[in-house]
C-alpha cells in the first residue's frame, strides 16, 4: 500500500471487515486478523513469496499483469465506502493471472525446509481416540489403510461441504439449488463429520456466501447503490 501511494489504518480495515463479514461477525477474530495483517505480509515475504509493488485499479480478481495490489472486495462500493475509508487490501503473489499456485509453492517449500513431512495421495477417514483424546488418524494411502499417531494434536483443515448435496439439504437448503459452486471436489464436509463423530460442536452450518458473477468496471463501483 505504501509503495503504491495508499494510506490505510487498522481502524478502517476493522470497520470494513465488521460490516462486510455478514451477520454476527466475530469481533475478536476480526480485530486480531487486522492487528496481525502487516506481520502476516512480512511472514510471507520472509518465506520467499514475491510481491510486485504496483497497483491494478481495473479488477478485484487476478490482473493480467503481475501487479501485487488490488481491491479485494467492495471496499470502495456502497455502503462500505461510507463506513470506512476505502483502500485496496488484496495482495497477490508476483505472477500473471491466478497466483495461488505460486503462493502455495513457496509455502510448501518453507514447510518442508522447516522439517514438515509431506504425505501425498493420503485421505484421512477418521480420527483415532484414546482415553477420550484424539491421538491420531486413520487414512488411506495409495489404497492401503494406515494409522498415523499425532505427537501433539490433529488440525482439521479440509474446507466446507459445498460439494456434499446431502449436507447442503440438511443444513442450508437454499445452497443446494445453486448451479455454480465454488470450491474443490474435496469440499465434502469430511473433516466436519469426523470432528462431530468425536463430539465436536459446530456453528454457522446454515451459512454460505453467495455472489453475483458480474464485475462492472471499478470506475463505476463507488456510484452503484
Protein backbone atom coordinates (compact mmCIF):
# COMPACT_ATOMS: atom_id res chain seq x y z
CA UNK A 1 0.00 0.00 0.00
CA UNK A 2 2.74 2.44 0.95
CA UNK A 3 4.70 1.67 -2.21
CA UNK A 4 1.60 2.37 -4.30
CA UNK A 5 0.70 5.61 -2.50
CA UNK A 6 -2.26 4.41 -0.42
CA UNK A 7 -2.94 5.28 3.20
CA UNK A 8 -4.76 2.81 5.39
CA UNK A 9 -5.35 2.17 9.08
CA UNK A 10 -6.25 -0.75 11.28
CA UNK A 11 -9.39 1.11 12.33
CA UNK A 12 -10.64 1.47 8.73
CA UNK A 13 -9.79 -2.14 7.96
CA UNK A 14 -11.62 -3.29 11.11
CA UNK A 15 -14.74 -1.23 10.35
CA UNK A 16 -14.88 -2.56 6.81
CA UNK A 17 -14.39 -6.18 7.85
CA UNK A 18 -17.05 -5.91 10.57
CA UNK A 19 -19.53 -4.58 8.01
CA UNK A 20 -18.59 -6.99 5.21
CA UNK A 21 -18.48 -10.28 7.13
CA UNK A 22 -22.22 -10.76 7.32
CA UNK A 23 -24.40 -11.18 10.39
CA UNK A 24 -22.82 -11.91 13.77
CA UNK A 25 -19.18 -11.20 12.89
CA UNK A 26 -16.54 -12.45 15.33
CA UNK A 27 -15.20 -9.15 16.71
CA UNK A 28 -12.19 -10.65 18.49
CA UNK A 29 -11.14 -12.72 15.46
CA UNK A 30 -11.51 -9.78 13.06
CA UNK A 31 -9.57 -7.48 15.40
CA UNK A 32 -6.73 -9.98 15.60
CA UNK A 33 -6.80 -10.50 11.82
CA UNK A 34 -6.41 -6.76 11.28
CA UNK A 35 -3.78 -6.28 14.01
CA UNK A 36 -1.58 -9.04 12.60
CA UNK A 37 -2.08 -8.29 8.89
CA UNK A 38 1.24 -6.43 8.49
CA UNK A 39 3.10 -9.17 10.33
CA UNK A 40 1.39 -11.75 8.14
CA UNK A 41 2.59 -9.98 5.00
CA UNK A 42 6.16 -9.83 6.35
CA UNK A 43 5.92 -13.53 7.26
CA UNK A 44 5.01 -14.41 3.67
CA UNK A 45 7.86 -12.31 2.28
CA UNK A 46 10.29 -13.98 4.69
CA UNK A 47 9.30 -17.33 3.20
CA UNK A 48 10.14 -16.22 -0.31
CA UNK A 49 6.71 -15.21 -1.62
CA UNK A 50 7.39 -12.40 -4.15
CA UNK A 51 5.12 -9.36 -4.49
CA UNK A 52 5.19 -6.74 -7.26
CA UNK A 53 4.74 -3.35 -5.50
CA UNK A 54 2.30 -2.00 -8.11
CA UNK A 55 -1.46 -1.43 -8.14
CA UNK A 56 -4.08 -2.71 -10.57
CA UNK A 57 -7.16 -0.47 -10.49
CA UNK A 58 -9.23 -2.40 -13.01
CA UNK A 59 -10.04 -5.63 -11.23
CA UNK A 60 -10.67 -7.29 -7.89
CA UNK A 61 -9.64 -10.60 -9.40
CA UNK A 62 -6.24 -11.61 -10.74
CA UNK A 63 -4.84 -8.90 -13.04
CA UNK A 64 -3.45 -9.69 -16.46
CA UNK A 65 -0.06 -8.39 -15.34
CA UNK A 66 1.97 -9.06 -12.20
CA UNK A 67 0.51 -6.24 -10.09
CA UNK A 68 0.56 -7.17 -6.43
CA UNK A 69 -2.14 -4.88 -5.00
CA UNK A 70 -5.88 -4.89 -5.83
CA UNK A 71 -9.18 -4.14 -4.16
CA UNK A 72 -10.04 -7.46 -2.54
CA UNK A 73 -13.78 -6.85 -2.47
CA UNK A 74 -16.23 -3.99 -2.11
CA UNK A 75 -14.14 -1.59 -0.04
CA UNK A 76 -14.93 1.26 -2.44
CA UNK A 77 -18.58 0.23 -3.01
CA UNK A 78 -21.67 1.47 -1.19
CA UNK A 79 -22.33 1.19 1.72
CA UNK A 80 -18.81 0.24 2.76
CA UNK A 81 -17.25 3.39 1.33
CA UNK A 82 -19.37 5.37 3.80
CA UNK A 83 -18.47 3.14 6.75
CA UNK A 84 -14.68 3.16 6.36
CA UNK A 85 -12.15 4.93 4.20
CA UNK A 86 -11.67 2.68 1.13
CA UNK A 87 -8.26 1.18 0.45
CA UNK A 88 -7.07 -1.77 -1.66
CA UNK A 89 -6.04 -4.60 0.66
CA UNK A 90 -5.78 -7.57 -1.68
CA UNK A 91 -2.22 -8.85 -2.16
CA UNK A 92 -1.24 -11.21 -4.98
CA UNK A 93 1.98 -13.13 -5.48
CA UNK A 94 4.09 -11.92 -8.39
CA UNK A 95 2.84 -13.83 -11.41
CA UNK A 96 0.20 -13.32 -14.08
CA UNK A 97 -3.45 -14.29 -13.69
CA UNK A 98 -4.14 -16.90 -10.97
CA UNK A 99 -1.45 -16.60 -8.30
CA UNK A 100 -2.42 -19.25 -5.74
CA UNK A 101 -0.09 -21.86 -7.21
CA UNK A 102 2.95 -19.61 -6.65
CA UNK A 103 1.91 -18.79 -3.11
CA UNK A 104 1.47 -22.48 -2.25
CA UNK A 105 4.71 -23.43 -4.00
CA UNK A 106 6.69 -21.17 -1.65
CA UNK A 107 4.71 -22.11 1.44
CA UNK A 108 5.06 -25.83 0.73
CA UNK A 109 8.81 -25.41 0.27
CA UNK A 110 9.04 -23.43 3.52
CA UNK A 111 7.15 -26.16 5.39
CA UNK A 112 9.46 -28.85 4.02
CA UNK A 113 12.53 -26.76 4.87
CA UNK A 114 11.20 -26.36 8.41
CA UNK A 115 11.10 -30.15 8.80
CA UNK A 116 7.50 -31.00 7.90
CA UNK A 117 6.86 -34.40 6.32
CA UNK A 118 4.51 -34.37 3.33
CA UNK A 119 2.30 -37.39 2.67
CA UNK A 120 0.70 -37.39 -0.78
CA UNK A 121 -2.28 -39.42 -2.00
CA UNK A 122 -3.37 -39.77 1.62
CA UNK A 123 -7.03 -39.37 2.56
CA UNK A 124 -7.94 -39.25 6.23
CA UNK A 125 -11.08 -41.26 7.04
CA UNK A 126 -11.45 -40.98 10.79
CA UNK A 127 -9.94 -39.68 13.99
CA UNK A 128 -8.41 -42.12 16.45
CA UNK A 129 -9.47 -41.60 20.08
CA UNK A 130 -7.68 -42.94 23.15
CA UNK A 131 -8.73 -42.15 26.74
CA UNK A 132 -11.19 -39.57 25.37
CA UNK A 133 -8.44 -37.72 23.50
CA UNK A 134 -7.76 -37.57 19.77
CA UNK A 135 -4.34 -39.15 19.35
CA UNK A 136 -4.11 -39.66 15.58
CA UNK A 137 -5.88 -40.50 12.34
CA UNK A 138 -6.71 -43.47 10.17
CA UNK A 139 -6.18 -42.86 6.46
CA UNK A 140 -5.98 -44.43 3.02
CA UNK A 141 -2.56 -44.06 1.39
CA UNK A 142 -2.13 -45.44 -2.13
CA UNK A 143 -5.07 -47.78 -1.48
CA UNK A 144 -3.81 -49.11 1.85
CA UNK A 145 -5.13 -48.34 5.34
CA UNK A 146 -2.57 -46.61 7.54
CA UNK A 147 -2.70 -45.24 11.09
CA UNK A 148 -0.75 -42.11 11.98
CA UNK A 149 -0.17 -41.12 15.60
CA UNK A 150 -0.10 -37.42 16.46
CA UNK A 151 2.63 -36.06 18.69
CA UNK A 152 0.66 -33.08 19.97
CA UNK A 153 -2.66 -32.89 18.13
CA UNK A 154 -4.59 -33.11 14.88
CA UNK A 155 -5.59 -30.00 12.93
CA UNK A 156 -8.51 -30.39 10.53
CA UNK A 157 -8.33 -28.02 7.53
CA UNK A 158 -10.42 -29.67 4.85
CA UNK A 159 -12.81 -26.96 3.71
CA UNK A 160 -16.59 -26.89 3.90
CA UNK A 161 -19.32 -29.06 2.37
CA UNK A 162 -20.41 -27.26 -0.79
CA UNK A 163 -19.95 -30.49 -2.79
CA UNK A 164 -21.99 -32.64 -0.43
CA UNK A 165 -25.62 -32.28 -1.50
CA UNK A 166 -26.92 -34.29 1.46
CA UNK A 167 -25.27 -31.92 3.94
CA UNK A 168 -26.46 -28.91 1.96
CA UNK A 169 -30.05 -30.12 2.06
CA UNK A 170 -29.74 -30.81 5.79
CA UNK A 171 -28.06 -27.60 6.91
CA UNK A 172 -28.50 -24.99 4.17
CA UNK A 173 -31.21 -25.98 1.66
CA UNK A 174 -31.06 -22.76 -0.43
CA UNK A 175 -27.44 -23.51 -1.40
CA UNK A 176 -28.48 -26.92 -2.74
CA UNK A 177 -30.34 -25.08 -5.51
CA UNK A 178 -27.17 -23.38 -6.74
CA UNK A 179 -26.00 -24.21 -10.24
CA UNK A 180 -22.42 -22.94 -9.94
CA UNK A 181 -20.42 -23.99 -6.90
CA UNK A 182 -17.04 -22.55 -6.00
CA UNK A 183 -14.63 -24.91 -4.27
CA UNK A 184 -12.83 -28.19 -4.82
CA UNK A 185 -14.21 -31.72 -5.04
CA UNK A 186 -12.68 -32.31 -1.59
CA UNK A 187 -15.15 -29.86 -0.02
CA UNK A 188 -17.45 -32.67 1.03
CA UNK A 189 -17.67 -31.98 4.76
CA UNK A 190 -15.43 -34.91 5.65
CA UNK A 191 -13.47 -33.08 8.36
CA UNK A 192 -16.66 -31.65 9.87
CA UNK A 193 -18.22 -35.10 10.11
CA UNK A 194 -15.07 -36.59 11.61
CA UNK A 195 -14.99 -33.89 14.27
CA UNK A 196 -18.69 -34.36 15.03
CA UNK A 197 -18.15 -38.10 15.38
CA UNK A 198 -15.89 -37.48 18.39
CA UNK A 199 -18.21 -34.92 19.98
CA UNK A 200 -17.10 -31.61 18.47
CA UNK A 201 -19.57 -28.74 18.32
CA UNK A 202 -20.23 -26.85 15.09
CA UNK A 203 -21.68 -23.44 14.30
CA UNK A 204 -22.91 -21.46 11.29
CA UNK A 205 -23.71 -24.62 9.34
CA UNK A 206 -26.67 -22.75 7.85
CA UNK A 207 -24.49 -20.02 6.35
CA UNK A 208 -22.84 -19.68 2.97
CA UNK A 209 -21.52 -16.98 0.69
CA UNK A 210 -23.50 -16.19 -2.43
CA UNK A 211 -22.28 -13.76 -5.08
CA UNK A 212 -23.46 -12.44 -8.41
CA UNK A 213 -20.80 -13.21 -11.06
CA UNK A 214 -20.97 -9.79 -12.66
CA UNK A 215 -17.98 -7.47 -12.39
CA UNK A 216 -18.67 -3.89 -13.52
CA UNK A 217 -15.76 -1.55 -14.28
CA UNK A 218 -14.26 -0.42 -10.99
CA UNK A 219 -14.70 3.22 -12.00
CA UNK A 220 -18.46 2.66 -11.67
CA UNK A 221 -18.46 0.75 -8.39
CA UNK A 222 -18.38 3.76 -6.00
CA UNK A 223 -21.53 5.13 -7.64
CA UNK A 224 -23.67 1.98 -7.52
CA UNK A 225 -26.22 1.88 -4.70
